Amino acid sequence: MDADPNRFGYNTSMTVSEYAAFRREKTPHLLLDVRQPEEYETARLEGAVLIPLGELPGRLAELPKDRPLVVMCHHGMRSAHAVHHLRQAGFDAVNLTGGIDAWSREIDGKVPLY
């Protein structure tokens, strides 16, 4: 993880290995998927909440501020953008580096690549 820890003790980004441990430990969080619906239908992680990046500014009220947000997309670029804006809006958010593509390649090969 990189520098700048927030009140939940994690930083602005998290590797898929770190996130796998987060899930195993059942650390309270919300997994926010900022991809498009067709991408979500192709490959997704259980428990993820889909809010496409373009809809995010108008849907902030749907997100909790009492637990961390782990934000993911396909490779990590859109989610990095989302994390920047979420942090500015007062959310504790972290980017899942490499996105669902890295998850599929490194953690769970049953999640389809696209």
PDB file of N, CA and C in Angstrom:
ATOM      1  N   MET A   1       0.835  -1.172   0.000  1.00  0.00           N
ATOM      2  CA  MET A   1       0.000   0.000   0.000  1.00  0.00           C
ATOM      3  C   MET A   1       0.884   1.240   0.000  1.00  0.00           C
ATOM      4  N   ASP A   2       0.385   2.321  -0.571  1.00  0.00           N
ATOM      5  CA  ASP A   2       1.172   3.539  -0.595  1.00  0.00           C
ATOM      6  C   ASP A   2       0.885   4.392   0.637  1.00  0.00           C
ATOM      7  N   ALA A   3       1.541   5.538   0.725  1.00  0.00           N
ATOM      8  CA  ALA A   3       1.444   6.406   1.891  1.00  0.00           C
ATOM      9  C   ALA A   3       0.052   7.022   2.021  1.00  0.00           C
ATOM     10  N   ASP A   4      -0.125   7.830   3.065  1.00  0.00           N
ATOM     11  CA  ASP A   4      -1.358   8.568   3.329  1.00  0.00           C
ATOM     12  C   ASP A   4      -2.463   7.679   3.896  1.00  0.00           C
ATOM     13  N   PRO A   5      -2.192   7.032   5.039  1.00  0.00           N
ATOM     14  CA  PRO A   5      -3.249   6.211   5.635  1.00  0.00           C
ATOM     15  C   PRO A   5      -4.403   7.075   6.123  1.00  0.00           C
ATOM     16  N   ASN A   6      -5.600   6.510   6.087  1.00  0.00           N
ATOM     17  CA  ASN A   6      -6.765   7.230   6.580  1.00  0.00           C
ATOM     18  C   ASN A   6      -7.167   6.653   7.935  1.00  0.00           C
ATOM     19  N   ARG A   7      -8.314   7.049   8.436  1.00  0.00           N
ATOM     20  CA  ARG A   7      -8.689   6.638   9.789  1.00  0.00           C
ATOM     21  C   ARG A   7      -8.939   5.142   9.927  1.00  0.00           C
ATOM     22  N   PHE A   8      -9.140   4.437   8.820  1.00  0.00           N
ATOM     23  CA  PHE A   8      -9.337   2.995   8.892  1.00  0.00           C
ATOM     24  C   PHE A   8      -8.027   2.222   8.796  1.00  0.00           C
ATOM     25  N   GLY A   9      -6.902   2.915   8.626  1.00  0.00           N
ATOM     26  CA  GLY A   9      -5.605   2.272   8.654  1.00  0.00           C
ATOM     27  C   GLY A   9      -5.108   1.752   7.325  1.00  0.00           C
ATOM     28  N   TYR A  10      -5.764   2.041   6.229  1.00  0.00           N
ATOM     29  CA  TYR A  10      -5.261   1.646   4.928  1.00  0.00           C
ATOM     30  C   TYR A  10      -4.942   2.908   4.146  1.00  0.00           C
ATOM     31  N   ASN A  11      -4.421   2.782   2.969  1.00  0.00           N
ATOM     32  CA  ASN A  11      -3.911   3.900   2.197  1.00  0.00           C
ATOM     33  C   ASN A  11      -4.772   4.158   0.964  1.00  0.00           C
ATOM     34  N   THR A  12      -4.246   4.892   0.002  1.00  0.00           N
ATOM     35  CA  THR A  12      -5.038   5.246  -1.165  1.00  0.00           C
ATOM     36  C   THR A  12      -5.170   4.116  -2.173  1.00  0.00           C
ATOM     37  N   SER A  13      -4.362   3.074  -2.037  1.00  0.00           N
ATOM     38  CA  SER A  13      -4.513   1.929  -2.930  1.00  0.00           C
ATOM     39  C   SER A  13      -4.265   0.634  -2.174  1.00  0.00           C
ATOM     40  N   MET A  14      -4.783  -0.436  -2.741  1.00  0.00           N
ATOM     41  CA  MET A  14      -4.694  -1.760  -2.129  1.00  0.00           C
ATOM     42  C   MET A  14      -4.496  -2.765  -3.256  1.00  0.00           C
ATOM     43  N   THR A  15      -3.569  -3.695  -3.082  1.00  0.00           N
ATOM     44  CA  THR A  15      -3.369  -4.734  -4.087  1.00  0.00           C
ATOM     45  C   THR A  15      -4.490  -5.765  -3.974  1.00  0.00           C
ATOM     46  N   VAL A  16      -4.620  -6.588  -4.996  1.00  0.00           N
ATOM     47  CA  VAL A  16      -5.644  -7.632  -4.926  1.00  0.00           C
ATOM     48  C   VAL A  16      -5.323  -8.649  -3.838  1.00  0.00           C
ATOM     49  N   SER A  17      -4.046  -8.896  -3.569  1.00  0.00           N
ATOM     50  CA  SER A  17      -3.665  -9.803  -2.475  1.00  0.00           C
ATOM     51  C   SER A  17      -4.083  -9.227  -1.130  1.00  0.00           C
ATOM     52  N   GLU A  18      -3.864  -7.917  -0.954  1.00  0.00           N
ATOM     53  CA  GLU A  18      -4.297  -7.267   0.284  1.00  0.00           C
ATOM     54  C   GLU A  18      -5.811  -7.313   0.405  1.00  0.00           C
ATOM     55  N   TYR A  19      -6.498  -7.109  -0.717  1.00  0.00           N
ATOM     56  CA  TYR A  19      -7.955  -7.137  -0.669  1.00  0.00           C
ATOM     57  C   TYR A  19      -8.474  -8.548  -0.382  1.00  0.00           C
ATOM     58  N   ALA A  20      -7.829  -9.554  -0.920  1.00  0.00           N
ATOM     59  CA  ALA A  20      -8.231 -10.936  -0.626  1.00  0.00           C
ATOM     60  C   ALA A  20      -8.138 -11.192   0.878  1.00  0.00           C
ATOM     61  N   ALA A  21      -7.081 -10.704   1.518  1.00  0.00           N
ATOM     62  CA  ALA A  21      -6.944 -10.846   2.967  1.00  0.00           C
ATOM     63  C   ALA A  21      -8.030 -10.060   3.690  1.00  0.00           C
ATOM     64  N   PHE A  22      -8.332  -8.860   3.199  1.00  0.00           N
ATOM     65  CA  PHE A  22      -9.398  -8.019   3.749  1.00  0.00           C
ATOM     66  C   PHE A  22     -10.709  -8.804   3.767  1.00  0.00           C
ATOM     67  N   ARG A  23     -11.010  -9.483   2.649  1.00  0.00           N
ATOM     68  CA  ARG A  23     -12.246 -10.271   2.541  1.00  0.00           C
ATOM     69  C   ARG A  23     -12.216 -11.486   3.465  1.00  0.00           C
ATOM     70  N   ARG A  24     -11.088 -12.185   3.500  1.00  0.00           N
ATOM     71  CA  ARG A  24     -10.965 -13.364   4.376  1.00  0.00           C
ATOM     72  C   ARG A  24     -11.172 -12.989   5.839  1.00  0.00           C
ATOM     73  N   GLU A  25     -10.646 -11.819   6.225  1.00  0.00           N
ATOM     74  CA  GLU A  25     -10.759 -11.358   7.608  1.00  0.00           C
ATOM     75  C   GLU A  25     -12.130 -10.750   7.897  1.00  0.00           C
ATOM     76  N   LYS A  26     -12.967 -10.658   6.853  1.00  0.00           N
ATOM     77  CA  LYS A  26     -14.313 -10.093   6.978  1.00  0.00           C
ATOM     78  C   LYS A  26     -14.278  -8.673   7.546  1.00  0.00           C
ATOM     79  N   THR A  27     -13.274  -7.907   7.106  1.00  0.00           N
ATOM     80  CA  THR A  27     -13.155  -6.509   7.510  1.00  0.00           C
ATOM     81  C   THR A  27     -14.345  -5.735   6.943  1.00  0.00           C
ATOM     82  N   PRO A  28     -15.081  -5.024   7.780  1.00  0.00           N
ATOM     83  CA  PRO A  28     -16.241  -4.274   7.282  1.00  0.00           C
ATOM     84  C   PRO A  28     -15.823  -3.253   6.215  1.00  0.00           C
ATOM     85  N   HIS A  29     -16.506  -3.291   5.106  1.00  0.00           N
ATOM     86  CA  HIS A  29     -16.229  -2.369   4.001  1.00  0.00           C
ATOM     87  C   HIS A  29     -17.361  -2.475   2.989  1.00  0.00           C
ATOM     88  N   LEU A  30     -17.334  -1.590   2.018  1.00  0.00           N
ATOM     89  CA  LEU A  30     -18.233  -1.682   0.872  1.00  0.00           C
ATOM     90  C   LEU A  30     -17.363  -1.763  -0.371  1.00  0.00           C
ATOM     91  N   LEU A  31     -17.595  -2.763  -1.195  1.00  0.00           N
ATOM     92  CA  LEU A  31     -16.900  -2.876  -2.479  1.00  0.00           C
ATOM     93  C   LEU A  31     -17.735  -2.142  -3.513  1.00  0.00           C
ATOM     94  N   LEU A  32     -17.165  -1.074  -4.051  1.00  0.00           N
ATOM     95  CA  LEU A  32     -17.840  -0.237  -5.035  1.00  0.00           C
ATOM     96  C   LEU A  32     -17.232  -0.488  -6.405  1.00  0.00           C
ATOM     97  N   ASP A  33     -18.040  -0.936  -7.330  1.00  0.00           N
ATOM     98  CA  ASP A  33     -17.622  -1.217  -8.706  1.00  0.00           C
ATOM     99  C   ASP A  33     -18.085  -0.048  -9.571  1.00  0.00           C
ATOM    100  N   VAL A  34     -17.134   0.641 -10.216  1.00  0.00           N
ATOM    101  CA  VAL A  34     -17.480   1.833 -11.004  1.00  0.00           C
ATOM    102  C   VAL A  34     -17.454   1.566 -12.510  1.00  0.00           C
ATOM    103  N   ARG A  35     -17.510   0.283 -12.904  1.00  0.00           N
ATOM    104  CA  ARG A  35     -17.551  -0.061 -14.326  1.00  0.00           C
ATOM    105  C   ARG A  35     -18.956   0.126 -14.883  1.00  0.00           C
ATOM    106  N   GLN A  36     -19.107  -0.168 -16.146  1.00  0.00           N
ATOM    107  CA  GLN A  36     -20.407  -0.090 -16.817  1.00  0.00           C
ATOM    108  C   GLN A  36     -21.193  -1.384 -16.564  1.00  0.00           C
ATOM    109  N   PRO A  37     -22.531  -1.319 -16.636  1.00  0.00           N
ATOM    110  CA  PRO A  37     -23.348  -2.504 -16.368  1.00  0.00           C
ATOM    111  C   PRO A  37     -22.962  -3.727 -17.201  1.00  0.00           C
ATOM    112  N   GLU A  38     -22.631  -3.543 -18.479  1.00  0.00           N
ATOM    113  CA  GLU A  38     -22.269  -4.698 -19.302  1.00  0.00           C
ATOM    114  C   GLU A  38     -20.957  -5.337 -18.833  1.00  0.00           C
ATOM    115  N   GLU A  39     -20.034  -4.540 -18.296  1.00  0.00           N
ATOM    116  CA  GLU A  39     -18.793  -5.097 -17.745  1.00  0.00           C
ATOM    117  C   GLU A  39     -19.098  -5.876 -16.470  1.00  0.00           C
ATOM    118  N   TYR A  40     -19.958  -5.316 -15.651  1.00  0.00           N
ATOM    119  CA  TYR A  40     -20.367  -5.949 -14.402  1.00  0.00           C
ATOM    120  C   TYR A  40     -21.031  -7.295 -14.671  1.00  0.00           C
ATOM    121  N   GLU A  41     -21.843  -7.359 -15.717  1.00  0.00           N
ATOM    122  CA  GLU A  41     -22.504  -8.612 -16.076  1.00  0.00           C
ATOM    123  C   GLU A  41     -21.498  -9.655 -16.563  1.00  0.00           C
ATOM    124  N   THR A  42     -20.436  -9.207 -17.196  1.00  0.00           N
ATOM    125  CA  THR A  42     -19.409 -10.120 -17.716  1.00  0.00           C
ATOM    126  C   THR A  42     -18.589 -10.743 -16.595  1.00  0.00           C
ATOM    127  N   ALA A  43     -18.184  -9.927 -15.620  1.00  0.00           N
ATOM    128  CA  ALA A  43     -17.319 -10.393 -14.531  1.00  0.00           C
ATOM    129  C   ALA A  43     -17.535  -9.500 -13.321  1.00  0.00           C
ATOM    130  N   ARG A  44     -17.761 -10.104 -12.163  1.00  0.00           N
ATOM    131  CA  ARG A  44     -17.971  -9.303 -10.956  1.00  0.00           C
ATOM    132  C   ARG A  44     -17.541 -10.091  -9.726  1.00  0.00           C
ATOM    133  N   LEU A  45     -17.353  -9.347  -8.637  1.00  0.00           N
ATOM    134  CA  LEU A  45     -17.045  -9.952  -7.354  1.00  0.00           C
ATOM    135  C   LEU A  45     -18.309  -9.929  -6.494  1.00  0.00           C
ATOM    136  N   GLU A  46     -18.534 -11.011  -5.799  1.00  0.00           N
ATOM    137  CA  GLU A  46     -19.702 -11.119  -4.938  1.00  0.00           C
ATOM    138  C   GLU A  46     -19.730  -9.979  -3.931  1.00  0.00           C
ATOM    139  N   GLY A  47     -20.897  -9.380  -3.790  1.00  0.00           N
ATOM    140  CA  GLY A  47     -21.077  -8.316  -2.820  1.00  0.00           C
ATOM    141  C   GLY A  47     -20.801  -6.922  -3.343  1.00  0.00           C
ATOM    142  N   ALA A  48     -20.299  -6.812  -4.572  1.00  0.00           N
ATOM    143  CA  ALA A  48     -19.982  -5.492  -5.126  1.00  0.00           C
ATOM    144  C   ALA A  48     -21.255  -4.713  -5.421  1.00  0.00           C
ATOM    145  N   VAL A  49     -21.185  -3.418  -5.161  1.00  0.00           N
ATOM    146  CA  VAL A  49     -22.275  -2.500  -5.485  1.00  0.00           C
ATOM    147  C   VAL A  49     -21.862  -1.749  -6.746  1.00  0.00           C
ATOM    148  N   LEU A  50     -22.691  -1.804  -7.769  1.00  0.00           N
ATOM    149  CA  LEU A  50     -22.390  -1.151  -9.043  1.00  0.00           C
ATOM    150  C   LEU A  50     -22.944   0.266  -9.065  1.00  0.00           C
ATOM    151  N   ILE A  51     -22.037   1.224  -9.216  1.00  0.00           N
ATOM    152  CA  ILE A  51     -22.396   2.611  -9.517  1.00  0.00           C
ATOM    153  C   ILE A  51     -21.397   3.069 -10.579  1.00  0.00           C
ATOM    154  N   PRO A  52     -21.791   3.092 -11.846  1.00  0.00           N
ATOM    155  CA  PRO A  52     -20.860   3.510 -12.897  1.00  0.00           C
ATOM    156  C   PRO A  52     -20.255   4.879 -12.596  1.00  0.00           C
ATOM    157  N   LEU A  53     -19.007   5.050 -12.960  1.00  0.00           N
ATOM    158  CA  LEU A  53     -18.265   6.266 -12.649  1.00  0.00           C
ATOM    159  C   LEU A  53     -19.039   7.527 -13.017  1.00  0.00           C
ATOM    160  N   GLY A  54     -19.670   7.559 -14.178  1.00  0.00           N
ATOM    161  CA  GLY A  54     -20.409   8.741 -14.607  1.00  0.00           C
ATOM    162  C   GLY A  54     -21.605   9.070 -13.735  1.00  0.00           C
ATOM    163  N   GLU A  55     -22.129   8.079 -13.010  1.00  0.00           N
ATOM    164  CA  GLU A  55     -23.275   8.288 -12.128  1.00  0.00           C
ATOM    165  C   GLU A  55     -22.873   8.607 -10.691  1.00  0.00           C
ATOM    166  N   LEU A  56     -21.613   8.408 -10.381  1.00  0.00           N
ATOM    167  CA  LEU A  56     -21.151   8.517  -8.998  1.00  0.00           C
ATOM    168  C   LEU A  56     -21.454   9.866  -8.343  1.00  0.00           C
ATOM    169  N   PRO A  57     -21.187  11.011  -8.995  1.00  0.00           N
ATOM    170  CA  PRO A  57     -21.450  12.293  -8.318  1.00  0.00           C
ATOM    171  C   PRO A  57     -22.889  12.454  -7.855  1.00  0.00           C
ATOM    172  N   GLY A  58     -23.838  11.930  -8.576  1.00  0.00           N
ATOM    173  CA  GLY A  58     -25.239  12.055  -8.212  1.00  0.00           C
ATOM    174  C   GLY A  58     -25.736  10.986  -7.258  1.00  0.00           C
ATOM    175  N   ARG A  59     -24.870  10.026  -6.920  1.00  0.00           N
ATOM    176  CA  ARG A  59     -25.317   8.910  -6.077  1.00  0.00           C
ATOM    177  C   ARG A  59     -24.508   8.764  -4.790  1.00  0.00           C
ATOM    178  N   LEU A  60     -23.770   9.808  -4.412  1.00  0.00           N
ATOM    179  CA  LEU A  60     -22.942   9.744  -3.208  1.00  0.00           C
ATOM    180  C   LEU A  60     -23.752   9.442  -1.953  1.00  0.00           C
ATOM    181  N   ALA A  61     -24.992   9.896  -1.912  1.00  0.00           N
ATOM    182  CA  ALA A  61     -25.831   9.671  -0.730  1.00  0.00           C
ATOM    183  C   ALA A  61     -26.101   8.186  -0.484  1.00  0.00           C
ATOM    184  N   GLU A  62     -25.890   7.349  -1.498  1.00  0.00           N
ATOM    185  CA  GLU A  62     -26.116   5.908  -1.352  1.00  0.00           C
ATOM    186  C   GLU A  62     -24.947   5.199  -0.661  1.00  0.00           C
ATOM    187  N   LEU A  63     -23.841   5.914  -0.469  1.00  0.00           N
ATOM    188  CA  LEU A  63     -22.618   5.299   0.048  1.00  0.00           C
ATOM    189  C   LEU A  63     -22.437   5.577   1.535  1.00  0.00           C
ATOM    190  N   PRO A  64     -21.929   4.587   2.277  1.00  0.00           N
ATOM    191  CA  PRO A  64     -21.713   4.771   3.715  1.00  0.00           C
ATOM    192  C   PRO A  64     -20.435   5.559   4.000  1.00  0.00           C
ATOM    193  N   LYS A  65     -20.445   6.315   5.079  1.00  0.00           N
ATOM    194  CA  LYS A  65     -19.233   7.001   5.520  1.00  0.00           C
ATOM    195  C   LYS A  65     -18.681   6.371   6.796  1.00  0.00           C
ATOM    196  N   ASP A  66     -19.314   5.299   7.271  1.00  0.00           N
ATOM    197  CA  ASP A  66     -18.888   4.668   8.518  1.00  0.00           C
ATOM    198  C   ASP A  66     -17.999   3.447   8.313  1.00  0.00           C
ATOM    199  N   ARG A  67     -17.659   3.161   7.079  1.00  0.00           N
ATOM    200  CA  ARG A  67     -16.743   2.048   6.790  1.00  0.00           C
ATOM    201  C   ARG A  67     -16.018   2.352   5.482  1.00  0.00           C
ATOM    202  N   PRO A  68     -14.875   1.713   5.269  1.00  0.00           N
ATOM    203  CA  PRO A  68     -14.102   2.011   4.065  1.00  0.00           C
ATOM    204  C   PRO A  68     -14.804   1.555   2.792  1.00  0.00           C
ATOM    205  N   LEU A  69     -14.519   2.280   1.729  1.00  0.00           N
ATOM    206  CA  LEU A  69     -14.964   1.907   0.394  1.00  0.00           C
ATOM    207  C   LEU A  69     -13.750   1.380  -0.354  1.00  0.00           C
ATOM    208  N   VAL A  70     -13.847   0.184  -0.876  1.00  0.00           N
ATOM    209  CA  VAL A  70     -12.831  -0.359  -1.768  1.00  0.00           C
ATOM    210  C   VAL A  70     -13.424  -0.204  -3.161  1.00  0.00           C
ATOM    211  N   VAL A  71     -12.731   0.561  -4.009  1.00  0.00           N
ATOM    212  CA  VAL A  71     -13.282   0.926  -5.312  1.00  0.00           C
ATOM    213  C   VAL A  71     -12.538   0.179  -6.400  1.00  0.00           C
ATOM    214  N   MET A  72     -13.306  -0.448  -7.300  1.00  0.00           N
ATOM    215  CA  MET A  72     -12.690  -1.239  -8.363  1.00  0.00           C
ATOM    216  C   MET A  72     -13.289  -0.914  -9.719  1.00  0.00           C
ATOM    217  N   CYS A  73     -12.491  -1.186 -10.744  1.00  0.00           N
ATOM    218  CA  CYS A  73     -12.959  -1.117 -12.128  1.00  0.00           C
ATOM    219  C   CYS A  73     -12.270  -2.262 -12.872  1.00  0.00           C
ATOM    220  N   HIS A  74     -12.019  -2.090 -14.155  1.00  0.00           N
ATOM    221  CA  HIS A  74     -11.400  -3.158 -14.932  1.00  0.00           C
ATOM    222  C   HIS A  74      -9.904  -3.290 -14.624  1.00  0.00           C
ATOM    223  N   HIS A  75      -9.157  -2.184 -14.728  1.00  0.00           N
ATOM    224  CA  HIS A  75      -7.712  -2.216 -14.497  1.00  0.00           C
ATOM    225  C   HIS A  75      -7.238  -1.282 -13.388  1.00  0.00           C
ATOM    226  N   GLY A  76      -8.093  -0.413 -12.896  1.00  0.00           N
ATOM    227  CA  GLY A  76      -7.711   0.467 -11.793  1.00  0.00           C
ATOM    228  C   GLY A  76      -7.649   1.946 -12.118  1.00  0.00           C
ATOM    229  N   MET A  77      -7.859   2.330 -13.368  1.00  0.00           N
ATOM    230  CA  MET A  77      -7.776   3.741 -13.729  1.00  0.00           C
ATOM    231  C   MET A  77      -9.056   4.495 -13.348  1.00  0.00           C
ATOM    232  N   ARG A  78     -10.203   3.982 -13.727  1.00  0.00           N
ATOM    233  CA  ARG A  78     -11.462   4.652 -13.372  1.00  0.00           C
ATOM    234  C   ARG A  78     -11.647   4.674 -11.856  1.00  0.00           C
ATOM    235  N   SER A  79     -11.281   3.589 -11.207  1.00  0.00           N
ATOM    236  CA  SER A  79     -11.445   3.542  -9.756  1.00  0.00           C
ATOM    237  C   SER A  79     -10.499   4.517  -9.063  1.00  0.00           C
ATOM    238  N   ALA A  80      -9.301   4.721  -9.596  1.00  0.00           N
ATOM    239  CA  ALA A  80      -8.386   5.723  -9.024  1.00  0.00           C
ATOM    240  C   ALA A  80      -9.009   7.109  -9.120  1.00  0.00           C
ATOM    241  N   HIS A  81      -9.622   7.397 -10.242  1.00  0.00           N
ATOM    242  CA  HIS A  81     -10.320   8.676 -10.432  1.00  0.00           C
ATOM    243  C   HIS A  81     -11.461   8.797  -9.423  1.00  0.00           C
ATOM    244  N   ALA A  82     -12.226   7.736  -9.252  1.00  0.00           N
ATOM    245  CA  ALA A  82     -13.342   7.740  -8.300  1.00  0.00           C
ATOM    246  C   ALA A  82     -12.845   7.958  -6.872  1.00  0.00           C
ATOM    247  N   VAL A  83     -11.756   7.294  -6.496  1.00  0.00           N
ATOM    248  CA  VAL A  83     -11.206   7.434  -5.145  1.00  0.00           C
ATOM    249  C   VAL A  83     -10.828   8.886  -4.872  1.00  0.00           C
ATOM    250  N   HIS A  84     -10.211   9.532  -5.833  1.00  0.00           N
ATOM    251  CA  HIS A  84      -9.833  10.940  -5.670  1.00  0.00           C
ATOM    252  C   HIS A  84     -11.065  11.785  -5.333  1.00  0.00           C
ATOM    253  N   HIS A  85     -12.124  11.624  -6.083  1.00  0.00           N
ATOM    254  CA  HIS A  85     -13.342  12.398  -5.857  1.00  0.00           C
ATOM    255  C   HIS A  85     -14.052  11.993  -4.569  1.00  0.00           C
ATOM    256  N   LEU A  86     -14.065  10.710  -4.259  1.00  0.00           N
ATOM    257  CA  LEU A  86     -14.700  10.252  -3.026  1.00  0.00           C
ATOM    258  C   LEU A  86     -13.990  10.817  -1.798  1.00  0.00           C
ATOM    259  N   ARG A  87     -12.667  10.832  -1.833  1.00  0.00           N
ATOM    260  CA  ARG A  87     -11.904  11.383  -0.701  1.00  0.00           C
ATOM    261  C   ARG A  87     -12.179  12.877  -0.546  1.00  0.00           C
ATOM    262  N   GLN A  88     -12.282  13.576  -1.662  1.00  0.00           N
ATOM    263  CA  GLN A  88     -12.604  15.004  -1.591  1.00  0.00           C
ATOM    264  C   GLN A  88     -13.989  15.221  -0.988  1.00  0.00           C
ATOM    265  N   ALA A  89     -14.883  14.262  -1.168  1.00  0.00           N
ATOM    266  CA  ALA A  89     -16.240  14.360  -0.635  1.00  0.00           C
ATOM    267  C   ALA A  89     -16.344  13.822   0.800  1.00  0.00           C
ATOM    268  N   GLY A  90     -15.203  13.437   1.393  1.00  0.00           N
ATOM    269  CA  GLY A  90     -15.202  13.011   2.785  1.00  0.00           C
ATOM    270  C   GLY A  90     -15.310  11.525   3.030  1.00  0.00           C
ATOM    271  N   PHE A  91     -15.211  10.720   1.989  1.00  0.00           N
ATOM    272  CA  PHE A  91     -15.261   9.265   2.142  1.00  0.00           C
ATOM    273  C   PHE A  91     -13.862   8.704   2.337  1.00  0.00           C
ATOM    274  N   ASP A  92     -13.758   7.627   3.095  1.00  0.00           N
ATOM    275  CA  ASP A  92     -12.517   6.874   3.193  1.00  0.00           C
ATOM    276  C   ASP A  92     -12.579   5.808   2.114  1.00  0.00           C
ATOM    277  N   ALA A  93     -11.835   6.055   1.049  1.00  0.00           N
ATOM    278  CA  ALA A  93     -11.890   5.183  -0.123  1.00  0.00           C
ATOM    279  C   ALA A  93     -10.489   4.770  -0.527  1.00  0.00           C
ATOM    280  N   VAL A  94     -10.392   3.559  -1.051  1.00  0.00           N
ATOM    281  CA  VAL A  94      -9.118   3.012  -1.502  1.00  0.00           C
ATOM    282  C   VAL A  94      -9.325   2.358  -2.864  1.00  0.00           C
ATOM    283  N   ASN A  95      -8.339   2.506  -3.728  1.00  0.00           N
ATOM    284  CA  ASN A  95      -8.386   1.955  -5.074  1.00  0.00           C
ATOM    285  C   ASN A  95      -7.874   0.518  -5.078  1.00  0.00           C
ATOM    286  N   LEU A  96      -8.600  -0.380  -5.718  1.00  0.00           N
ATOM    287  CA  LEU A  96      -8.134  -1.753  -5.903  1.00  0.00           C
ATOM    288  C   LEU A  96      -7.232  -1.762  -7.139  1.00  0.00           C
ATOM    289  N   THR A  97      -5.929  -1.752  -6.901  1.00  0.00           N
ATOM    290  CA  THR A  97      -4.935  -1.686  -7.970  1.00  0.00           C
ATOM    291  C   THR A  97      -5.057  -2.883  -8.904  1.00  0.00           C
ATOM    292  N   GLY A  98      -5.128  -2.615 -10.194  1.00  0.00           N
ATOM    293  CA  GLY A  98      -5.230  -3.680 -11.189  1.00  0.00           C
ATOM    294  C   GLY A  98      -6.646  -4.140 -11.456  1.00  0.00           C
ATOM    295  N   GLY A  99      -7.587  -3.724 -10.608  1.00  0.00           N
ATOM    296  CA  GLY A  99      -8.999  -4.006 -10.818  1.00  0.00           C
ATOM    297  C   GLY A  99      -9.354  -5.481 -10.899  1.00  0.00           C
ATOM    298  N   ILE A 100     -10.490  -5.717 -11.528  1.00  0.00           N
ATOM    299  CA  ILE A 100     -10.988  -7.090 -11.626  1.00  0.00           C
ATOM    300  C   ILE A 100     -10.080  -7.943 -12.515  1.00  0.00           C
ATOM    301  N   ASP A 101      -9.349  -7.299 -13.425  1.00  0.00           N
ATOM    302  CA  ASP A 101      -8.415  -8.039 -14.265  1.00  0.00           C
ATOM    303  C   ASP A 101      -7.326  -8.679 -13.399  1.00  0.00           C
ATOM    304  N   ALA A 102      -6.749  -7.907 -12.476  1.00  0.00           N
ATOM    305  CA  ALA A 102      -5.718  -8.452 -11.579  1.00  0.00           C
ATOM    306  C   ALA A 102      -6.318  -9.505 -10.652  1.00  0.00           C
ATOM    307  N   TRP A 103      -7.555  -9.270 -10.200  1.00  0.00           N
ATOM    308  CA  TRP A 103      -8.218 -10.261  -9.345  1.00  0.00           C
ATOM    309  C   TRP A 103      -8.336 -11.591 -10.091  1.00  0.00           C
ATOM    310  N   SER A 104      -8.770 -11.540 -11.339  1.00  0.00           N
ATOM    311  CA  SER A 104      -8.934 -12.760 -12.142  1.00  0.00           C
ATOM    312  C   SER A 104      -7.605 -13.471 -12.358  1.00  0.00           C
ATOM    313  N   ARG A 105      -6.569 -12.706 -12.633  1.00  0.00           N
ATOM    314  CA  ARG A 105      -5.248 -13.284 -12.936  1.00  0.00           C
ATOM    315  C   ARG A 105      -4.523 -13.791 -11.692  1.00  0.00           C
ATOM    316  N   GLU A 106      -4.683 -13.091 -10.559  1.00  0.00           N
ATOM    317  CA  GLU A 106      -3.874 -13.401  -9.378  1.00  0.00           C
ATOM    318  C   GLU A 106      -4.611 -14.125  -8.260  1.00  0.00           C
ATOM    319  N   ILE A 107      -5.921 -13.952  -8.177  1.00  0.00           N
ATOM    320  CA  ILE A 107      -6.660 -14.479  -7.018  1.00  0.00           C
ATOM    321  C   ILE A 107      -7.669 -15.559  -7.407  1.00  0.00           C
ATOM    322  N   ASP A 108      -8.515 -15.282  -8.378  1.00  0.00           N
ATOM    323  CA  ASP A 108      -9.609 -16.200  -8.697  1.00  0.00           C
ATOM    324  C   ASP A 108      -9.783 -16.326 -10.212  1.00  0.00           C
ATOM    325  N   GLY A 109      -9.188 -17.356 -10.774  1.00  0.00           N
ATOM    326  CA  GLY A 109      -9.268 -17.585 -12.215  1.00  0.00           C
ATOM    327  C   GLY A 109     -10.656 -17.920 -12.731  1.00  0.00           C
ATOM    328  N   LYS A 110     -11.607 -18.145 -11.826  1.00  0.00           N
ATOM    329  CA  LYS A 110     -12.991 -18.409 -12.256  1.00  0.00           C
ATOM    330  C   LYS A 110     -13.707 -17.118 -12.660  1.00  0.00           C
ATOM    331  N   VAL A 111     -13.180 -15.976 -12.241  1.00  0.00           N
ATOM    332  CA  VAL A 111     -13.759 -14.698 -12.649  1.00  0.00           C
ATOM    333  C   VAL A 111     -13.272 -14.437 -14.070  1.00  0.00           C
ATOM    334  N   PRO A 112     -14.183 -14.297 -15.023  1.00  0.00           N
ATOM    335  CA  PRO A 112     -13.791 -14.193 -16.428  1.00  0.00           C
ATOM    336  C   PRO A 112     -12.924 -12.965 -16.724  1.00  0.00           C
ATOM    337  N   LEU A 113     -11.966 -13.162 -17.612  1.00  0.00           N
ATOM    338  CA  LEU A 113     -11.174 -12.058 -18.157  1.00  0.00           C
ATOM    339  C   LEU A 113     -11.909 -11.505 -19.346  1.00  0.00           C
ATOM    340  N   TYR A 114     -11.774 -10.229 -19.594  1.00  0.00           N
ATOM    341  CA  TYR A 114     -12.370  -9.628 -20.787  1.00  0.00           C
ATOM    342  C   TYR A 114     -11.528  -8.466 -21.251  1.00  0.00           C
TER     343      TYR A 114
END
